[in-house]
Amino acid sequence: MHSALVSAQSSAFDRLANGAFKEAAEFHAALDSTSEETFILFAQYAYTGSYSVLKIDSNPVAKTNKVLRNSPELVWPESELIMEDPAPEPEAEREDMWGFSSRTKKEKKRKKSIELGASDPCRYDKAALWGDFTKACSIAVDPASPRPGAVSYDGNVLLSHARLYVFADCYGIPRLADMSMHHLSQELLKLNVTPEVATNIIELLRYAYEEPSPESLRNHLALYAACKASELWMNPRFRELVATHGDLGLAMLEVMIKGRATS
């Protein structure tokens, strides 16, 4: 890349290109912590004022169907469950193995429809949280005409935008940070969280909470995860991630509690 163009992106790059560093003297700087894809997207932004990620459909229908068949635990439940009461017992009162008595009513079998979370006293207002997330996604970005960019990281464009955001935040490029956050938010807003898509979201959360990331990104993703908690919780990898990274679980819980308190 042209050194003048690099130095114009931020004061950090200006010091790197023109300061008293060996990189300036050697006309070479190695960004070891930056992936090739992120660097390509940064270069595209520097030269064109915008960037784009080439999407590759790595999840064809056949593969999705195969995942659903072989992983029944990832199949999403219906919004309502039909539950049957057990058959009534003839005795009106009995003692269990611990010596406590329990009463049963003589009644016919009946079916009842239970809406998930409807009887939970700790339920939160998902609609209000989603409204908060939508507002948080409203970032003004100057329009530009992007050219073809890098191929998305393992087919996961969410990671592509997140990695670029972390890069822009690290090197002090606010416009690129806003742009990458905007693109990430727009991708999240339009997602239908199927089991296959949930895998990409979990990898995004894992990246944000296992790699050095700004709090702004983590808070944004915690809000999104709280909005989609019921869908994501069906995936065992998400439960494992929450168990491993308590700060993610605490952030989601804080969002849910605030959402319930204001609903």
Protein backbone atom coordinates (compact mmCIF):
# COMPACT_ATOMS: atom_id res chain seq x y z
CA MET A 1 0.00 0.00 0.00
CA HIS A 2 1.08 3.58 -0.57
CA SER A 3 2.58 4.93 2.66
CA ALA A 4 0.88 8.31 2.26
CA LEU A 5 -2.51 6.61 2.04
CA VAL A 6 -1.78 4.43 5.06
CA SER A 7 -0.63 7.36 7.19
CA ALA A 8 -3.76 9.31 6.28
CA GLN A 9 -6.01 6.70 7.92
CA SER A 10 -5.08 7.43 11.53
CA SER A 11 -2.47 8.97 13.79
CA ALA A 12 -1.32 5.48 14.78
CA PHE A 13 -0.55 4.60 11.17
CA ASP A 14 1.00 8.02 10.60
CA ARG A 15 3.48 7.39 13.42
CA LEU A 16 4.15 3.93 12.05
CA ALA A 17 4.85 5.24 8.54
CA ASN A 18 6.59 8.51 9.34
CA GLY A 19 7.79 8.23 12.92
CA ALA A 20 11.08 7.16 14.43
CA PHE A 21 10.39 3.48 14.00
CA LYS A 22 12.27 0.87 12.02
CA GLU A 23 9.10 0.28 10.00
CA ALA A 24 9.32 3.83 8.64
CA ALA A 25 13.00 3.40 7.80
CA GLU A 26 12.48 0.00 6.17
CA PHE A 27 9.23 0.97 4.43
CA HIS A 28 7.68 -2.20 5.79
CA ALA A 29 5.35 -3.01 8.70
CA ALA A 30 4.15 -6.45 9.72
CA LEU A 31 0.71 -6.50 11.32
CA ASP A 32 1.04 -9.96 12.85
CA SER A 33 -2.28 -9.92 14.69
CA THR A 34 -4.25 -8.98 11.57
CA SER A 35 -5.70 -11.65 9.31
CA GLU A 36 -5.19 -11.53 5.56
CA GLU A 37 -8.89 -11.00 4.99
CA THR A 38 -9.06 -8.06 7.40
CA PHE A 39 -6.03 -6.43 5.77
CA ILE A 40 -7.59 -6.80 2.29
CA LEU A 41 -10.80 -5.17 3.52
CA PHE A 42 -8.81 -2.36 5.15
CA ALA A 43 -6.87 -1.78 1.92
CA GLN A 44 -10.10 -1.68 -0.06
CA TYR A 45 -11.51 0.88 2.37
CA ALA A 46 -8.34 3.00 2.21
CA TYR A 47 -8.41 3.14 -1.60
CA THR A 48 -12.17 3.35 -2.24
CA GLY A 49 -13.75 4.73 0.95
CA SER A 50 -15.79 1.58 1.50
CA TYR A 51 -15.48 -2.19 1.50
CA SER A 52 -17.48 -5.31 0.72
CA VAL A 53 -17.28 -8.96 1.66
CA LEU A 54 -17.78 -11.63 -0.95
CA LYS A 55 -20.37 -14.04 0.39
CA ILE A 56 -20.04 -17.73 -0.34
CA ASP A 57 -22.99 -20.00 0.29
CA SER A 58 -21.32 -22.60 2.46
CA ASN A 59 -24.65 -23.90 3.77
CA PRO A 60 -26.64 -25.42 0.92
CA VAL A 61 -30.08 -26.85 1.58
CA ALA A 62 -28.84 -30.43 1.47
CA LYS A 63 -26.26 -29.73 4.17
CA THR A 64 -28.80 -27.95 6.34
CA ASN A 65 -31.22 -30.86 6.08
CA LYS A 66 -28.46 -33.27 6.99
CA VAL A 67 -27.60 -31.26 10.07
CA LEU A 68 -31.23 -31.25 11.16
CA ARG A 69 -31.53 -35.01 10.73
CA ASN A 70 -28.30 -35.90 12.48
CA SER A 71 -28.56 -33.31 15.25
CA PRO A 72 -32.07 -33.48 16.69
CA GLU A 73 -30.99 -31.36 19.64
CA LEU A 74 -30.55 -28.42 17.27
CA VAL A 75 -34.11 -28.52 15.92
CA TRP A 76 -36.00 -25.48 17.10
CA PRO A 77 -39.15 -26.11 19.18
CA GLU A 78 -42.53 -24.78 18.16
CA SER A 79 -43.75 -21.61 19.82
CA GLU A 80 -46.23 -23.74 21.76
CA LEU A 81 -45.89 -27.14 23.38
CA ILE A 82 -48.79 -29.52 23.80
CA MET A 83 -48.49 -31.33 27.09
CA GLU A 84 -50.67 -34.10 28.46
CA ASP A 85 -51.51 -34.49 32.10
CA PRO A 86 -50.73 -37.91 33.51
CA ALA A 87 -53.63 -40.31 33.96
CA PRO A 88 -55.51 -39.63 37.19
CA GLU A 89 -54.71 -41.95 40.04
CA PRO A 90 -57.50 -43.66 41.98
CA GLU A 91 -56.32 -42.64 45.43
CA ALA A 92 -56.98 -39.11 46.64
CA GLU A 93 -53.85 -38.94 48.74
CA ARG A 94 -50.58 -40.87 48.85
CA GLU A 95 -47.12 -40.65 50.37
CA ASP A 96 -43.98 -40.49 48.31
CA MET A 97 -40.67 -42.15 49.15
CA TRP A 98 -39.66 -39.19 51.34
CA GLY A 99 -42.78 -39.35 53.47
CA PHE A 100 -44.43 -36.24 52.04
CA SER A 101 -48.07 -36.51 51.05
CA SER A 102 -49.37 -35.26 47.71
CA ARG A 103 -52.89 -34.90 46.47
CA THR A 104 -54.23 -35.71 43.03
CA LYS A 105 -57.58 -34.84 41.58
CA LYS A 106 -59.71 -37.36 39.80
CA GLU A 107 -60.20 -35.96 36.35
CA LYS A 108 -60.17 -37.07 32.74
CA LYS A 109 -57.14 -36.74 30.56
CA ARG A 110 -56.97 -33.34 29.05
CA LYS A 111 -54.62 -31.40 26.82
CA LYS A 112 -53.45 -27.94 27.57
CA SER A 113 -51.48 -25.50 25.50
CA ILE A 114 -48.60 -23.80 27.25
CA GLU A 115 -46.84 -20.88 25.68
CA LEU A 116 -43.11 -20.96 26.34
CA GLY A 117 -42.21 -18.52 29.08
CA ALA A 118 -45.79 -17.40 29.67
CA SER A 119 -45.83 -18.64 33.27
CA ASP A 120 -42.25 -17.69 34.06
CA PRO A 121 -42.19 -14.85 36.61
CA CYS A 122 -38.68 -13.89 35.43
CA ARG A 123 -39.57 -13.53 31.76
CA TYR A 124 -38.29 -10.47 29.96
CA ASP A 125 -39.73 -8.33 27.21
CA LYS A 126 -38.07 -9.60 24.04
CA ALA A 127 -39.89 -7.06 21.88
CA ALA A 128 -38.52 -4.19 23.97
CA LEU A 129 -35.01 -5.63 23.84
CA TRP A 130 -35.23 -6.04 20.07
CA GLY A 131 -36.31 -2.40 19.85
CA ASP A 132 -33.24 -1.42 21.87
CA PHE A 133 -31.00 -3.46 19.59
CA THR A 134 -32.57 -1.94 16.48
CA LYS A 135 -31.93 1.55 17.84
CA ALA A 136 -28.35 0.62 18.66
CA CYS A 137 -27.89 -0.43 15.03
CA SER A 138 -28.75 3.04 13.74
CA ILE A 139 -25.31 4.31 12.76
CA ALA A 140 -24.95 7.00 10.14
CA VAL A 141 -22.47 5.89 7.48
CA ASP A 142 -21.52 7.85 4.40
CA PRO A 143 -22.61 5.88 1.32
CA ALA A 144 -19.96 4.74 -1.10
CA SER A 145 -19.70 2.34 -4.00
CA PRO A 146 -17.69 -0.66 -2.81
CA ARG A 147 -15.76 -2.93 -5.13
CA PRO A 148 -15.38 -6.70 -4.72
CA GLY A 149 -13.50 -7.38 -1.51
CA ALA A 150 -12.19 -10.36 0.41
CA VAL A 151 -13.88 -13.71 0.68
CA SER A 152 -15.65 -14.00 4.00
CA TYR A 153 -13.89 -15.75 6.85
CA ASP A 154 -14.92 -19.42 6.61
CA GLY A 155 -18.13 -18.24 4.96
CA ASN A 156 -19.06 -16.29 8.11
CA VAL A 157 -19.52 -12.64 7.11
CA LEU A 158 -20.36 -11.77 10.73
CA LEU A 159 -16.79 -12.54 11.71
CA SER A 160 -15.50 -10.57 8.74
CA HIS A 161 -17.22 -7.37 9.89
CA ALA A 162 -16.37 -7.96 13.55
CA ARG A 163 -12.66 -8.50 12.87
CA LEU A 164 -12.53 -5.35 10.78
CA TYR A 165 -14.28 -3.41 13.55
CA VAL A 166 -11.71 -4.58 16.09
CA PHE A 167 -8.92 -3.61 13.66
CA ALA A 168 -10.40 -0.13 13.12
CA ASP A 169 -10.89 0.39 16.85
CA CYS A 170 -7.33 -0.75 17.60
CA TYR A 171 -5.72 1.60 15.08
CA GLY A 172 -8.07 4.54 15.65
CA ILE A 173 -10.05 4.67 12.38
CA PRO A 174 -13.49 5.83 13.60
CA ARG A 175 -15.21 5.99 10.21
CA LEU A 176 -14.18 2.44 9.35
CA ALA A 177 -15.25 1.32 12.82
CA ASP A 178 -18.70 2.87 12.30
CA MET A 179 -18.97 1.35 8.85
CA SER A 180 -18.01 -2.16 9.93
CA MET A 181 -20.33 -2.00 12.94
CA HIS A 182 -23.11 -0.83 10.66
CA HIS A 183 -22.58 -3.74 8.27
CA LEU A 184 -22.40 -6.21 11.15
CA SER A 185 -25.61 -4.83 12.64
CA GLN A 186 -27.47 -5.00 9.33
CA GLU A 187 -26.44 -8.62 8.91
CA LEU A 188 -27.67 -9.46 12.41
CA LEU A 189 -30.97 -7.63 11.93
CA LYS A 190 -31.97 -9.68 8.90
CA LEU A 191 -30.85 -13.08 10.19
CA ASN A 192 -33.33 -15.87 10.67
CA VAL A 193 -31.71 -17.81 13.51
CA THR A 194 -31.84 -21.35 12.20
CA PRO A 195 -29.56 -24.03 13.70
CA GLU A 196 -27.03 -23.50 10.91
CA VAL A 197 -27.05 -19.71 11.32
CA ALA A 198 -26.77 -20.11 15.09
CA THR A 199 -23.36 -21.73 14.56
CA ASN A 200 -22.09 -18.55 12.88
CA ILE A 201 -23.52 -16.39 15.67
CA ILE A 202 -21.86 -18.54 18.32
CA GLU A 203 -18.51 -18.25 16.53
CA LEU A 204 -19.00 -14.48 16.46
CA LEU A 205 -19.68 -14.42 20.20
CA ARG A 206 -16.74 -16.72 20.84
CA TYR A 207 -14.44 -14.39 18.90
CA ALA A 208 -15.66 -11.33 20.80
CA TYR A 209 -15.23 -12.94 24.22
CA GLU A 210 -12.07 -14.99 23.65
CA GLU A 211 -10.04 -12.44 21.70
CA PRO A 212 -9.15 -8.88 22.79
CA SER A 213 -12.25 -6.90 21.79
CA PRO A 214 -13.61 -3.48 22.74
CA GLU A 215 -16.47 -3.35 25.24
CA SER A 216 -18.62 -1.65 22.62
CA LEU A 217 -18.60 -4.79 20.49
CA ARG A 218 -19.17 -7.13 23.42
CA ASN A 219 -22.07 -5.07 24.76
CA HIS A 220 -23.68 -4.88 21.33
CA LEU A 221 -23.45 -8.63 20.86
CA ALA A 222 -24.64 -9.35 24.40
CA LEU A 223 -27.78 -7.33 23.66
CA TYR A 224 -28.32 -9.29 20.45
CA ALA A 225 -27.73 -12.62 22.22
CA ALA A 226 -30.28 -11.65 24.87
CA CYS A 227 -32.81 -10.95 22.14
CA LYS A 228 -32.17 -14.37 20.58
CA ALA A 229 -31.52 -16.28 23.81
CA SER A 230 -34.39 -18.76 23.39
CA GLU A 231 -33.18 -19.75 19.90
CA LEU A 232 -29.47 -19.84 20.76
CA TRP A 233 -30.00 -21.78 23.99
CA MET A 234 -31.12 -24.81 22.00
CA ASN A 235 -27.57 -25.16 20.71
CA PRO A 236 -25.28 -27.01 23.17
CA ARG A 237 -22.28 -25.03 21.94
CA PHE A 238 -23.95 -21.81 23.04
CA ARG A 239 -24.64 -23.22 26.50
CA GLU A 240 -21.00 -24.28 26.69
CA LEU A 241 -19.87 -20.80 25.66
CA VAL A 242 -22.01 -19.13 28.34
CA ALA A 243 -20.71 -21.58 30.96
CA THR A 244 -17.11 -20.90 29.91
CA HIS A 245 -17.39 -17.11 29.66
CA GLY A 246 -19.35 -15.91 32.65
CA ASP A 247 -18.97 -12.29 31.54
CA LEU A 248 -21.16 -13.08 28.50
CA GLY A 249 -23.82 -14.65 30.69
CA LEU A 250 -23.71 -11.75 33.15
CA ALA A 251 -23.99 -9.20 30.34
CA MET A 252 -27.01 -11.00 28.89
CA LEU A 253 -28.63 -11.31 32.32
CA GLU A 254 -28.12 -7.61 32.99
CA VAL A 255 -29.77 -6.75 29.67
CA MET A 256 -32.71 -9.07 30.41
CA ILE A 257 -33.24 -7.70 33.90
CA LYS A 258 -33.16 -4.11 32.67
CA GLY A 259 -35.57 -5.03 29.87
CA ARG A 260 -37.97 -6.60 32.37
CA ALA A 261 -37.73 -3.68 34.78
CA THR A 262 -38.63 -1.17 32.05
CA SER A 263 -41.42 -3.26 30.45
